[in-house]
Protein backbone atom coordinates (compact mmCIF):
# COMPACT_ATOMS: atom_id res chain seq x y z
CA MET A 1 0.00 0.02 -0.01
CA LYS A 2 1.21 3.52 -0.71
CA ILE A 3 -0.04 7.10 -0.41
CA THR A 4 -1.41 8.80 -3.55
CA TRP A 5 0.13 12.17 -2.86
CA GLU A 6 -1.46 14.06 -5.74
CA ASN A 7 -5.02 13.21 -4.60
CA LEU A 8 -4.13 13.86 -0.95
CA MET A 9 -2.79 17.32 -1.83
CA VAL A 10 -5.93 18.25 -3.91
CA ASN A 11 -8.01 17.35 -0.85
CA LYS A 12 -5.71 19.35 1.49
CA GLN A 13 -5.86 22.38 -0.86
CA SER A 14 -9.66 22.31 -0.86
CA LYS A 15 -9.78 22.20 2.94
CA PHE A 16 -7.09 24.92 3.25
CA GLU A 17 -9.06 27.31 1.00
CA LYS A 18 -12.01 27.12 3.41
CA MET A 19 -9.95 27.77 6.57
CA THR A 20 -9.85 31.03 8.55
CA GLU A 21 -6.55 32.99 8.59
CA HIS A 22 -5.83 31.66 12.08
CA ASP A 23 -6.34 28.05 10.96
CA LYS A 24 -4.12 28.58 7.90
CA PHE A 25 -1.43 30.03 10.18
CA VAL A 26 -1.59 26.97 12.47
CA TYR A 27 -1.72 24.59 9.46
CA PHE A 28 1.51 26.07 7.99
CA LEU A 29 3.23 26.02 11.34
CA LEU A 30 2.37 22.34 11.62
CA LEU A 31 3.66 21.61 8.12
CA GLN A 32 7.11 22.49 9.49
CA PHE A 33 6.92 19.83 12.24
CA GLY A 34 10.06 17.75 12.09
CA SER A 35 11.82 20.07 9.63
CA PRO A 36 15.44 20.80 10.46
CA TYR A 37 16.40 24.17 11.89
CA GLY A 38 17.93 26.40 9.16
CA TRP A 39 19.30 29.77 10.17
CA GLY A 40 17.94 32.44 7.77
CA LYS A 41 15.51 30.01 6.16
CA GLU A 42 11.74 30.27 5.80
CA ASN A 43 10.34 27.26 3.98
CA PRO A 44 8.85 23.80 4.73
CA GLU A 45 12.25 22.19 4.21
CA ALA A 46 14.02 24.18 6.94
CA SER A 47 13.45 27.42 8.86
CA ASP A 48 14.67 29.43 11.78
CA CYS A 49 12.27 30.74 14.44
CA SER A 50 11.29 34.00 12.71
CA GLY A 51 11.27 32.33 9.28
CA ALA A 52 8.74 29.76 10.47
CA VAL A 53 6.35 32.50 11.67
CA CYS A 54 6.91 34.69 8.61
CA MET A 55 6.17 31.78 6.27
CA ALA A 56 3.01 30.85 8.19
CA LEU A 57 1.88 34.53 8.12
CA PHE A 58 2.34 34.67 4.41
CA ALA A 59 0.48 31.41 3.81
CA ALA A 60 -2.37 32.59 6.06
CA THR A 61 -2.74 36.21 4.97
CA GLY A 62 -0.97 36.53 1.57
CA LEU A 63 1.09 39.32 3.19
CA LEU A 64 4.86 38.83 2.97
CA VAL A 65 7.31 40.11 5.52
CA ARG A 66 10.67 38.52 6.40
CA THR A 67 12.32 39.96 9.42
CA SER A 68 13.71 39.11 12.86
CA ALA A 69 11.90 37.95 16.02
CA ASP A 70 12.55 41.39 17.60
CA ASP A 71 11.19 43.33 14.62
CA LEU A 72 8.10 41.05 14.49
CA MET A 73 7.47 41.80 18.16
CA ARG A 74 7.90 45.58 17.82
CA ARG A 75 6.04 46.14 14.54
CA VAL A 76 3.76 43.21 13.66
CA PHE A 77 2.74 41.34 16.85
CA THR A 78 1.79 44.48 18.82
CA LYS A 79 -1.57 43.47 20.30
CA THR A 80 -1.18 42.70 23.97
CA SER A 81 -4.80 41.56 24.38
CA THR A 82 -5.09 38.12 22.73
CA ARG A 83 -7.50 35.25 22.69
CA GLN A 84 -7.90 31.81 21.13
CA GLY A 85 -8.70 32.33 17.46
CA ASP A 86 -6.24 35.22 17.04
CA ILE A 87 -2.93 34.73 15.27
CA ARG A 88 -0.48 34.83 18.16
CA ALA A 89 3.16 34.31 18.93
CA VAL A 90 5.32 34.02 22.02
CA PHE A 91 8.50 36.07 22.33
CA TYR A 92 11.55 35.48 24.43
CA ILE A 93 13.09 38.81 25.41
CA THR A 94 16.52 39.15 27.06
CA LYS A 95 16.55 41.09 30.32
CA LYS A 96 20.27 41.99 29.98
CA GLU A 97 22.83 42.45 27.23
CA THR A 98 23.72 39.02 25.97
CA LYS A 99 25.45 37.20 23.17
CA HIS A 100 23.07 35.80 20.57
CA PHE A 101 24.77 33.64 17.99
CA ASP A 102 27.69 35.77 16.80
CA ARG A 103 26.60 39.21 18.06
CA MET A 104 25.72 41.07 21.23
CA VAL A 105 22.08 42.14 21.70
CA SER A 106 20.85 44.73 24.16
CA ALA A 107 18.42 44.17 27.02
CA GLY A 108 14.83 44.17 25.80
CA THR A 109 15.57 42.37 22.53
CA ALA A 110 13.39 39.46 21.45
CA THR A 111 15.85 36.79 20.38
CA HIS A 112 13.34 33.96 19.82
CA ILE A 113 9.74 33.65 18.56
CA ALA A 114 7.38 30.72 18.28
CA GLY A 115 3.96 30.67 16.67
CA ILE A 116 1.10 29.61 18.96
CA LEU A 117 -0.92 26.65 17.82
CA GLU A 118 -3.44 26.78 20.64
CA ASP A 119 -3.46 28.01 24.24
CA GLY A 120 -0.24 26.83 25.82
CA VAL A 121 1.16 25.05 22.73
CA ILE A 122 3.66 26.30 20.14
CA LEU A 123 5.60 25.15 17.09
CA ASN A 124 9.17 25.77 18.29
CA SER A 125 11.67 26.01 15.43
CA GLN A 126 14.99 25.64 17.17
CA GLU A 127 18.04 23.34 16.90
CA PRO A 128 17.88 20.57 15.88
CA TYR A 129 14.39 20.64 14.35
CA ALA A 130 10.88 22.11 14.66
CA LYS A 131 8.62 20.40 17.17
CA VAL A 132 5.41 20.99 19.03
CA ARG A 133 6.13 22.06 22.60
CA ARG A 134 4.30 23.46 25.60
CA ILE A 135 5.02 27.16 26.10
CA ALA A 136 5.77 26.44 29.78
CA ASP A 137 8.44 23.90 28.90
CA VAL A 138 10.28 26.18 26.53
CA SER A 139 9.76 29.25 28.78
CA ASP A 140 11.31 27.54 31.80
CA TRP A 141 14.74 27.40 30.15
CA TYR A 142 14.51 30.99 28.89
CA GLN A 143 13.36 32.36 32.27
CA ARG A 144 16.18 30.54 34.08
CA ASN A 145 18.60 32.20 31.65
CA GLY A 146 17.47 35.79 32.06
CA TYR A 147 14.59 36.14 29.62
CA GLU A 148 11.08 37.54 29.88
CA VAL A 149 8.28 35.66 28.10
CA VAL A 150 5.55 37.66 26.30
CA VAL A 151 2.54 36.55 24.27
CA ARG A 152 1.38 38.96 21.54
CA GLY A 153 -1.34 39.01 18.92
CA LEU A 154 -0.99 39.90 15.24
CA ASP A 155 -1.77 43.51 14.20
CA ARG A 156 -2.92 42.69 10.69
CA GLU A 157 -2.96 46.34 9.59
CA ALA A 158 0.71 46.69 10.63
CA LEU A 159 1.53 43.49 8.67
CA ALA A 160 -0.27 44.93 5.64
CA ARG A 161 1.73 48.22 5.87
CA LEU A 162 5.01 46.31 5.99
CA SER A 163 4.11 43.65 3.41
CA GLY A 164 6.50 43.56 0.53
CA LYS A 165 8.70 46.26 2.08
CA GLU A 166 10.33 44.24 4.85
CA VAL A 167 11.66 41.25 3.01
CA TYR A 168 15.28 40.40 3.71
CA GLY A 169 16.60 38.03 1.08
CA LEU A 170 14.14 35.16 0.91
CA ASP A 171 15.97 31.90 0.54
CA PRO A 172 15.68 30.29 -2.92
CA GLU A 173 13.65 27.34 -1.63
CA PHE A 174 10.86 29.70 -0.61
CA HIS A 175 9.99 30.26 -4.27
CA ARG A 176 9.54 26.53 -4.83
CA TYR A 177 6.53 26.65 -2.53
CA PHE A 178 5.06 30.17 -2.91
CA ASP A 179 4.35 32.65 -5.66
CA THR A 180 5.36 36.02 -4.20
CA GLY A 181 4.35 38.13 -7.16
CA GLY A 182 7.92 39.03 -8.00
CA VAL A 183 9.08 39.93 -4.45
CA LYS A 184 12.61 38.64 -3.96
């Protein structure tokens, strides 16, 4: 027995087209489950934390932005009042100057983001691969290491204003999965 992928994908596409933006966001986060972490990537093959969220936002809304976790927190996920059914993300914000990969970041910088699947559950794209985790489990490590944990909701109008303007070198694999209307 084997899977008939073409038929399965036609069925998935039909269901996807009927989903709300929130459900599309969650669906695309879940498509990344098990994908390897890829710094600077934003596609189903591999992604980093902000890339996973940016890809899911594009799939859900048709609005393309590719930027850092900190920029997403400051300019896109600005709603502090959130509820189930909103597109939401959790941010991990350093309380002190700290080294992040190969550079120093100042206190108050969000160095990690994860898209929220449902209350208390995220898709965490982090070494070695993306997996579904409880917010509390991921947050414990960050809090012990000097981070604040903040949940924010999507400001769709802010995303629309930035769409197409804040795109930092999409990786080539992105264009295998999405038509961006010429945005590079």
